[in-house]
Every structure is written in C-alpha cells, then in structure tokens.
C-alpha cells in the first residue's frame, strides 16, 4: 500500500512531462508536414554535375627529380 504513495506522484510527473513535450513539439511545428519525410527516401537524387578537375599545382621552388 505504501508503494501507491510513490507511484501516484511519479505517474503524475510522467504525464505532466509527456503533455509538456507534446505541446513543445506542436509549438515548434513538428507535426506540420507528416507526409513528405516518409517519401523522401523513395525520391531519386538530383543529377549532380561533374566537378572539373584542376591541374595539380607544383611549387616552382622545388626541383624536379
């Protein structure tokens, strides 16, 4: 019976934290777009343009061997 004196306040604390986290998420627009993140892995990557290779720069002060 004494355990109820501990479990009831702990449960109420967990509920208050869960409600506070829910309202924080709503206020920070976490639930605005639920469909786009689910399909992002299915989309093709945009084509990447090849980067031009630059010639290697040599230091004129070092002798060639």
PDB file of N, CA and C in Angstrom:
ATOM      1  N   UNK A   1       0.820  -1.195   0.000  1.00  0.00           N
ATOM      2  CA  UNK A   1       0.000   0.000   0.000  1.00  0.00           C
ATOM      3  C   UNK A   1       0.863   1.257   0.000  1.00  0.00           C
ATOM      4  N   UNK A   2       2.033   1.182   0.635  1.00  0.00           N
ATOM      5  CA  UNK A   2       2.904   2.352   0.672  1.00  0.00           C
ATOM      6  C   UNK A   2       3.485   2.695  -0.695  1.00  0.00           C
ATOM      7  N   UNK A   3       3.556   1.690  -1.565  1.00  0.00           N
ATOM      8  CA  UNK A   3       4.109   1.941  -2.896  1.00  0.00           C
ATOM      9  C   UNK A   3       3.203   2.880  -3.683  1.00  0.00           C
ATOM     10  N   UNK A   4       1.909   2.890  -3.399  1.00  0.00           N
ATOM     11  CA  UNK A   4       0.993   3.809  -4.076  1.00  0.00           C
ATOM     12  C   UNK A   4       1.330   5.259  -3.764  1.00  0.00           C
ATOM     13  N   UNK A   5       1.864   5.501  -2.591  1.00  0.00           N
ATOM     14  CA  UNK A   5       2.254   6.867  -2.238  1.00  0.00           C
ATOM     15  C   UNK A   5       3.423   7.357  -3.087  1.00  0.00           C
ATOM     16  N   UNK A   6       4.170   6.437  -3.666  1.00  0.00           N
ATOM     17  CA  UNK A   6       5.286   6.798  -4.544  1.00  0.00           C
ATOM     18  C   UNK A   6       4.846   6.776  -6.005  1.00  0.00           C
ATOM     19  N   UNK A   7       4.101   5.741  -6.381  1.00  0.00           N
ATOM     20  CA  UNK A   7       3.747   5.564  -7.793  1.00  0.00           C
ATOM     21  C   UNK A   7       2.780   6.627  -8.314  1.00  0.00           C
ATOM     22  N   UNK A   8       1.857   7.070  -7.514  1.00  0.00           N
ATOM     23  CA  UNK A   8       0.886   8.072  -7.987  1.00  0.00           C
ATOM     24  C   UNK A   8       1.583   9.394  -8.314  1.00  0.00           C
ATOM     25  N   UNK A   9       2.436   9.953  -7.455  1.00  0.00           N
ATOM     26  CA  UNK A   9       3.126  11.195  -7.847  1.00  0.00           C
ATOM     27  C   UNK A   9       4.086  11.009  -9.021  1.00  0.00           C
ATOM     28  N   UNK A  10       4.753   9.853  -9.082  1.00  0.00           N
ATOM     29  CA  UNK A  10       5.664   9.596 -10.206  1.00  0.00           C
ATOM     30  C   UNK A  10       4.880   9.521 -11.506  1.00  0.00           C
ATOM     31  N   UNK A  11       3.743   8.867 -11.485  1.00  0.00           N
ATOM     32  CA  UNK A  11       2.893   8.775 -12.678  1.00  0.00           C
ATOM     33  C   UNK A  11       2.387  10.153 -13.094  1.00  0.00           C
ATOM     34  N   UNK A  12       1.969  10.942 -12.143  1.00  0.00           N
ATOM     35  CA  UNK A  12       1.510  12.294 -12.466  1.00  0.00           C
ATOM     36  C   UNK A  12       2.646  13.132 -13.051  1.00  0.00           C
ATOM     37  N   UNK A  13       3.848  12.961 -12.536  1.00  0.00           N
ATOM     38  CA  UNK A  13       5.003  13.686 -13.076  1.00  0.00           C
ATOM     39  C   UNK A  13       5.299  13.263 -14.515  1.00  0.00           C
ATOM     40  N   UNK A  14       5.232  11.974 -14.784  1.00  0.00           N
ATOM     41  CA  UNK A  14       5.463  11.481 -16.145  1.00  0.00           C
ATOM     42  C   UNK A  14       4.399  12.021 -17.098  1.00  0.00           C
ATOM     43  N   UNK A  15       3.165  12.064 -16.670  1.00  0.00           N
ATOM     44  CA  UNK A  15       2.085  12.591 -17.516  1.00  0.00           C
ATOM     45  C   UNK A  15       2.298  14.081 -17.792  1.00  0.00           C
ATOM     46  N   UNK A  16       2.682  14.838 -16.791  1.00  0.00           N
ATOM     47  CA  UNK A  16       2.927  16.278 -16.982  1.00  0.00           C
ATOM     48  C   UNK A  16       4.079  16.492 -17.954  1.00  0.00           C
ATOM     49  N   UNK A  17       5.143  15.707 -17.838  1.00  0.00           N
ATOM     50  CA  UNK A  17       6.281  15.844 -18.753  1.00  0.00           C
ATOM     51  C   UNK A  17       5.867  15.478 -20.172  1.00  0.00           C
ATOM     52  N   UNK A  18       5.087  14.406 -20.337  1.00  0.00           N
ATOM     53  CA  UNK A  18       4.635  14.000 -21.666  1.00  0.00           C
ATOM     54  C   UNK A  18       3.750  15.066 -22.314  1.00  0.00           C
ATOM     55  N   UNK A  19       2.856  15.656 -21.550  1.00  0.00           N
ATOM     56  CA  UNK A  19       1.993  16.709 -22.085  1.00  0.00           C
ATOM     57  C   UNK A  19       2.818  17.939 -22.447  1.00  0.00           C
ATOM     58  N   UNK A  20       3.782  18.285 -21.610  1.00  0.00           N
ATOM     59  CA  UNK A  20       4.635  19.441 -21.905  1.00  0.00           C
ATOM     60  C   UNK A  20       5.458  19.200 -23.173  1.00  0.00           C
ATOM     61  N   UNK A  21       5.994  17.993 -23.344  1.00  0.00           N
ATOM     62  CA  UNK A  21       6.746  17.685 -24.566  1.00  0.00           C
ATOM     63  C   UNK A  21       5.844  17.706 -25.804  1.00  0.00           C
ATOM     64  N   UNK A  22       4.618  17.247 -25.667  1.00  0.00           N
ATOM     65  CA  UNK A  22       3.689  17.280 -26.788  1.00  0.00           C
ATOM     66  C   UNK A  22       3.411  18.718 -27.222  1.00  0.00           C
ATOM     67  N   UNK A  23       3.130  19.590 -26.262  1.00  0.00           N
ATOM     68  CA  UNK A  23       2.846  20.979 -26.625  1.00  0.00           C
ATOM     69  C   UNK A  23       4.093  21.690 -27.143  1.00  0.00           C
ATOM     70  N   UNK A  24       5.281  21.315 -26.658  1.00  0.00           N
ATOM     71  CA  UNK A  24       6.514  21.878 -27.210  1.00  0.00           C
ATOM     72  C   UNK A  24       6.660  21.486 -28.675  1.00  0.00           C
ATOM     73  N   UNK A  25       6.389  20.219 -28.985  1.00  0.00           N
ATOM     74  CA  UNK A  25       6.505  19.746 -30.361  1.00  0.00           C
ATOM     75  C   UNK A  25       5.491  20.435 -31.274  1.00  0.00           C
ATOM     76  N   UNK A  26       4.286  20.652 -30.780  1.00  0.00           N
ATOM     77  CA  UNK A  26       3.267  21.331 -31.587  1.00  0.00           C
ATOM     78  C   UNK A  26       3.680  22.779 -31.835  1.00  0.00           C
ATOM     79  N   UNK A  27       4.208  23.450 -30.828  1.00  0.00           N
ATOM     80  CA  UNK A  27       4.610  24.845 -30.985  1.00  0.00           C
ATOM     81  C   UNK A  27       5.827  25.014 -31.887  1.00  0.00           C
ATOM     82  N   UNK A  28       6.632  23.975 -32.050  1.00  0.00           N
ATOM     83  CA  UNK A  28       7.818  24.054 -32.901  1.00  0.00           C
ATOM     84  C   UNK A  28       7.584  23.387 -34.257  1.00  0.00           C
ATOM     85  N   UNK A  29       6.338  23.296 -34.673  1.00  0.00           N
ATOM     86  CA  UNK A  29       5.924  22.812 -35.992  1.00  0.00           C
ATOM     87  C   UNK A  29       6.465  21.413 -36.316  1.00  0.00           C
ATOM     88  N   UNK A  30       6.519  20.532 -35.346  1.00  0.00           N
ATOM     89  CA  UNK A  30       6.992  19.172 -35.587  1.00  0.00           C
ATOM     90  C   UNK A  30       5.946  18.321 -36.301  1.00  0.00           C
ATOM     91  N   UNK A  31       4.686  18.713 -36.262  1.00  0.00           N
ATOM     92  CA  UNK A  31       3.613  17.913 -36.848  1.00  0.00           C
ATOM     93  C   UNK A  31       3.000  18.577 -38.077  1.00  0.00           C
ATOM     94  N   UNK A  32       3.656  19.572 -38.650  1.00  0.00           N
ATOM     95  CA  UNK A  32       3.073  20.293 -39.780  1.00  0.00           C
ATOM     96  C   UNK A  32       3.048  19.455 -41.059  1.00  0.00           C
ATOM     97  N   UNK A  33       4.139  18.768 -41.371  1.00  0.00           N
ATOM     98  CA  UNK A  33       4.228  18.011 -42.616  1.00  0.00           C
ATOM     99  C   UNK A  33       4.596  16.570 -42.286  1.00  0.00           C
ATOM    100  N   UNK A  34       3.602  15.708 -42.253  1.00  0.00           N
ATOM    101  CA  UNK A  34       3.837  14.314 -41.888  1.00  0.00           C
ATOM    102  C   UNK A  34       4.045  13.411 -43.097  1.00  0.00           C
ATOM    103  N   UNK A  35       3.744  13.904 -44.316  1.00  0.00           N
ATOM    104  CA  UNK A  35       3.828  13.043 -45.494  1.00  0.00           C
ATOM    105  C   UNK A  35       5.170  13.130 -46.203  1.00  0.00           C
ATOM    106  N   UNK A  36       5.737  14.310 -46.324  1.00  0.00           N
ATOM    107  CA  UNK A  36       6.976  14.469 -47.094  1.00  0.00           C
ATOM    108  C   UNK A  36       8.160  13.687 -46.536  1.00  0.00           C
ATOM    109  N   UNK A  37       8.430  13.685 -45.239  1.00  0.00           N
ATOM    110  CA  UNK A  37       9.574  12.919 -44.751  1.00  0.00           C
ATOM    111  C   UNK A  37       9.465  11.422 -45.040  1.00  0.00           C
ATOM    112  N   UNK A  38       8.261  10.901 -45.138  1.00  0.00           N
ATOM    113  CA  UNK A  38       8.085   9.475 -45.392  1.00  0.00           C
ATOM    114  C   UNK A  38       8.462   9.099 -46.815  1.00  0.00           C
ATOM    115  N   UNK A  39       8.299  10.022 -47.772  1.00  0.00           N
ATOM    116  CA  UNK A  39       8.603   9.675 -49.162  1.00  0.00           C
ATOM    117  C   UNK A  39       9.982  10.154 -49.609  1.00  0.00           C
ATOM    118  N   UNK A  40      10.679  10.911 -48.791  1.00  0.00           N
ATOM    119  CA  UNK A  40      11.993  11.402 -49.190  1.00  0.00           C
ATOM    120  C   UNK A  40      12.976  10.287 -49.541  1.00  0.00           C
ATOM    121  N   UNK A  41      13.042   9.172 -48.837  1.00  0.00           N
ATOM    122  CA  UNK A  41      13.979   8.115 -49.243  1.00  0.00           C
ATOM    123  C   UNK A  41      13.624   7.469 -50.573  1.00  0.00           C
ATOM    124  N   UNK A  42      12.382   7.584 -50.993  1.00  0.00           N
ATOM    125  CA  UNK A  42      11.962   6.970 -52.247  1.00  0.00           C
ATOM    126  C   UNK A  42      12.269   7.835 -53.462  1.00  0.00           C
ATOM    127  N   UNK A  43      12.527   9.104 -53.262  1.00  0.00           N
ATOM    128  CA  UNK A  43      12.788  10.012 -54.374  1.00  0.00           C
ATOM    129  C   UNK A  43      14.191   9.814 -54.911  1.00  0.00           C
ATOM    130  N   UNK A  44      14.329  10.031 -56.215  1.00  0.00           N
ATOM    131  CA  UNK A  44      15.650   9.955 -56.829  1.00  0.00           C
ATOM    132  C   UNK A  44      16.467  11.168 -56.436  1.00  0.00           C
ATOM    133  N   UNK A  45      17.772  10.967 -56.360  1.00  0.00           N
ATOM    134  CA  UNK A  45      18.656  12.089 -56.087  1.00  0.00           C
ATOM    135  C   UNK A  45      18.740  12.968 -57.325  1.00  0.00           C
ATOM    136  N   UNK A  46      18.856  14.274 -57.150  1.00  0.00           N
ATOM    137  CA  UNK A  46      19.003  15.143 -58.325  1.00  0.00           C
ATOM    138  C   UNK A  46      20.338  14.854 -59.008  1.00  0.00           C
ATOM    139  N   UNK A  47      20.377  14.962 -60.343  1.00  0.00           N
ATOM    140  CA  UNK A  47      21.644  14.684 -61.030  1.00  0.00           C
ATOM    141  C   UNK A  47      22.716  15.685 -60.613  1.00  0.00           C
ATOM    142  N   UNK A  48      23.891  15.171 -60.361  1.00  0.00           N
ATOM    143  CA  UNK A  48      24.994  16.034 -59.948  1.00  0.00           C
ATOM    144  C   UNK A  48      25.880  16.330 -61.142  1.00  0.00           C
ATOM    145  N   UNK A  49      26.275  17.582 -61.243  1.00  0.00           N
ATOM    146  CA  UNK A  49      27.171  17.972 -62.322  1.00  0.00           C
ATOM    147  C   UNK A  49      28.589  17.578 -61.945  1.00  0.00           C
ATOM    148  N   UNK A  50      29.336  17.051 -62.897  1.00  0.00           N
ATOM    149  CA  UNK A  50      30.717  16.677 -62.563  1.00  0.00           C
ATOM    150  C   UNK A  50      31.547  17.924 -62.285  1.00  0.00           C
ATOM    151  N   UNK A  51      32.378  17.839 -61.297  1.00  0.00           N
ATOM    152  CA  UNK A  51      33.236  18.972 -60.960  1.00  0.00           C
ATOM    153  C   UNK A  51      34.493  18.898 -61.816  1.00  0.00           C
ATOM    154  N   UNK A  52      34.893  20.018 -62.406  1.00  0.00           N
ATOM    155  CA  UNK A  52      36.096  19.988 -63.243  1.00  0.00           C
ATOM    156  C   UNK A  52      37.341  19.766 -62.374  1.00  0.00           C
ATOM    157  N   UNK A  53      38.241  18.940 -62.904  1.00  0.00           N
ATOM    158  CA  UNK A  53      39.471  18.672 -62.175  1.00  0.00           C
ATOM    159  C   UNK A  53      40.463  19.790 -62.461  1.00  0.00           C
ATOM    160  N   UNK A  54      41.048  20.284 -61.413  1.00  0.00           N
ATOM    161  CA  UNK A  54      42.055  21.324 -61.549  1.00  0.00           C
ATOM    162  C   UNK A  54      43.419  20.677 -61.719  1.00  0.00           C
ATOM    163  N   UNK A  55      44.269  21.262 -62.565  1.00  0.00           N
ATOM    164  CA  UNK A  55      45.613  20.693 -62.683  1.00  0.00           C
ATOM    165  C   UNK A  55      46.359  20.843 -61.360  1.00  0.00           C
ATOM    166  N   UNK A  56      47.172  19.856 -61.087  1.00  0.00           N
ATOM    167  CA  UNK A  56      47.923  19.909 -59.838  1.00  0.00           C
ATOM    168  C   UNK A  56      48.920  21.045 -59.895  1.00  0.00           C
ATOM    169  N   UNK A  57      48.918  21.802 -58.846  1.00  0.00           N
ATOM    170  CA  UNK A  57      49.843  22.925 -58.799  1.00  0.00           C
ATOM    171  C   UNK A  57      51.176  22.434 -58.250  1.00  0.00           C
ATOM    172  N   UNK A  58      52.251  22.841 -58.918  1.00  0.00           N
ATOM    173  CA  UNK A  58      53.569  22.457 -58.454  1.00  0.00           C
ATOM    174  C   UNK A  58      54.267  23.687 -57.932  1.00  0.00           C
ATOM    175  N   UNK A  59      55.094  23.470 -56.951  1.00  0.00           N
ATOM    176  CA  UNK A  59      55.841  24.546 -56.347  1.00  0.00           C
ATOM    177  C   UNK A  59      57.101  24.773 -57.186  1.00  0.00           C
ATOM    178  N   UNK A  60      57.289  25.951 -57.795  1.00  0.00           N
ATOM    179  CA  UNK A  60      58.456  26.163 -58.651  1.00  0.00           C
ATOM    180  C   UNK A  60      59.776  26.161 -57.887  1.00  0.00           C
ATOM    181  N   UNK A  61      59.721  26.281 -56.589  1.00  0.00           N
ATOM    182  CA  UNK A  61      60.983  26.309 -55.842  1.00  0.00           C
ATOM    183  C   UNK A  61      61.538  24.917 -55.586  1.00  0.00           C
ATOM    184  N   UNK A  62      60.714  23.862 -55.793  1.00  0.00           N
ATOM    185  CA  UNK A  62      61.234  22.522 -55.583  1.00  0.00           C
ATOM    186  C   UNK A  62      61.742  21.968 -56.909  1.00  0.00           C
ATOM    187  N   UNK A  63      62.929  21.375 -56.915  1.00  0.00           N
ATOM    188  CA  UNK A  63      63.471  20.817 -58.175  1.00  0.00           C
ATOM    189  C   UNK A  63      62.775  19.519 -58.538  1.00  0.00           C
ATOM    190  N   UNK A  64      62.620  19.293 -59.843  1.00  0.00           N
ATOM    191  CA  UNK A  64      62.032  18.047 -60.332  1.00  0.00           C
ATOM    192  C   UNK A  64      63.107  16.973 -60.352  1.00  0.00           C
ATOM    193  N   UNK A  65      62.783  15.786 -59.935  1.00  0.00           N
ATOM    194  CA  UNK A  65      63.753  14.692 -59.960  1.00  0.00           C
ATOM    195  C   UNK A  65      63.257  13.559 -60.764  1.00  0.00           C
TER     196      UNK A  65
END
